[in-house]
Amino acid sequence: MICCTPTIVPFNEAVTTVNYTALAALYGQDPNVQVYYKEGANYVLSNDMTSVKFDGVNIIVDHGGPVVGLLKIF
């Protein structure tokens, strides 16, 4: 049930919401999410995972304000 290829979701907003219903078949009922923020030409992994919430249907990430980056779901 666990897939090897992650799903990448780019964002440019203060709060990102991803419907996880279709992705659950790929990654299971407990998704792993990494948040990367764009710094210059690079993406840097965030160490603040308290901003990531999963309500069983949606992954919701509050970035604390408008920001550019991407989510890696696996």
Protein backbone atom coordinates (compact mmCIF):
# COMPACT_ATOMS: atom_id res chain seq x y z
CA MET A 1 0.00 0.00 0.00
CA ILE A 2 2.93 2.38 0.55
CA CYS A 3 4.12 3.98 -2.65
CA CYS A 4 7.74 4.91 -3.35
CA THR A 5 7.19 8.06 -5.38
CA PRO A 6 6.21 11.07 -3.28
CA THR A 7 3.55 13.57 -4.29
CA ILE A 8 4.89 17.12 -4.59
CA VAL A 9 2.47 20.01 -4.01
CA PRO A 10 3.85 23.50 -4.73
CA PHE A 11 2.33 26.43 -2.83
CA ASN A 12 2.42 30.22 -2.72
CA GLU A 13 0.06 31.09 0.13
CA ALA A 14 -0.32 31.44 3.90
CA VAL A 15 -2.26 28.19 4.43
CA THR A 16 -2.10 25.12 2.19
CA THR A 17 -4.90 22.54 2.24
CA VAL A 18 -4.53 19.25 0.38
CA ASN A 19 -7.44 16.81 0.13
CA TYR A 20 -5.91 13.48 1.12
CA THR A 21 -8.82 11.21 0.14
CA ALA A 22 -7.34 10.01 -3.18
CA LEU A 23 -3.78 9.91 -1.83
CA ALA A 24 -4.69 7.59 1.07
CA ALA A 25 -4.70 4.61 -1.32
CA LEU A 26 -1.04 5.38 -2.11
CA TYR A 27 0.36 6.37 1.28
CA GLY A 28 -2.00 4.90 3.90
CA GLN A 29 -4.09 6.55 6.59
CA ASP A 30 -1.13 8.22 8.33
CA PRO A 31 0.63 10.44 5.77
CA ASN A 32 4.20 11.64 6.09
CA VAL A 33 4.52 15.30 5.14
CA GLN A 34 7.64 17.39 4.72
CA VAL A 35 7.44 21.15 4.20
CA TYR A 36 10.13 22.89 2.15
CA TYR A 37 10.37 26.69 1.93
CA LYS A 38 12.06 28.49 -0.92
CA GLU A 39 15.14 30.42 0.11
CA GLY A 40 16.80 32.05 -2.88
CA ALA A 41 17.17 29.38 -5.56
CA ASN A 42 16.93 26.46 -3.09
CA TYR A 43 14.23 24.69 -1.09
CA VAL A 44 15.01 24.18 2.60
CA LEU A 45 13.29 21.58 4.78
CA SER A 46 11.32 23.16 7.62
CA ASN A 47 11.95 21.85 11.12
CA ASP A 48 8.63 23.26 12.44
CA MET A 49 6.19 20.39 12.03
CA THR A 50 3.70 21.86 14.53
CA SER A 51 2.15 23.76 11.62
CA VAL A 52 1.10 20.50 9.88
CA LYS A 53 -2.32 19.14 10.81
CA PHE A 54 -4.17 16.08 9.44
CA ASP A 55 -7.90 15.81 10.14
CA GLY A 56 -8.40 12.43 8.44
CA VAL A 57 -9.48 14.04 5.15
CA ASN A 58 -7.24 17.07 4.61
CA ILE A 59 -3.62 17.92 5.23
CA ILE A 60 -3.56 21.53 6.43
CA VAL A 61 -0.31 23.48 6.72
CA ASP A 62 -0.31 26.95 8.29
CA HIS A 63 2.84 28.69 7.10
CA GLY A 64 2.39 31.70 9.41
CA GLY A 65 2.01 34.07 6.47
CA PRO A 66 2.37 34.08 2.68
CA VAL A 67 5.34 32.04 1.55
CA VAL A 68 6.57 30.01 -1.44
CA GLY A 69 7.52 26.38 -1.13
CA LEU A 70 6.38 22.81 -1.61
CA LEU A 71 4.96 19.90 0.30
CA LYS A 72 6.35 16.40 -0.10
CA ILE A 73 3.76 13.74 0.78
CA PHE A 74 4.91 10.15 1.10
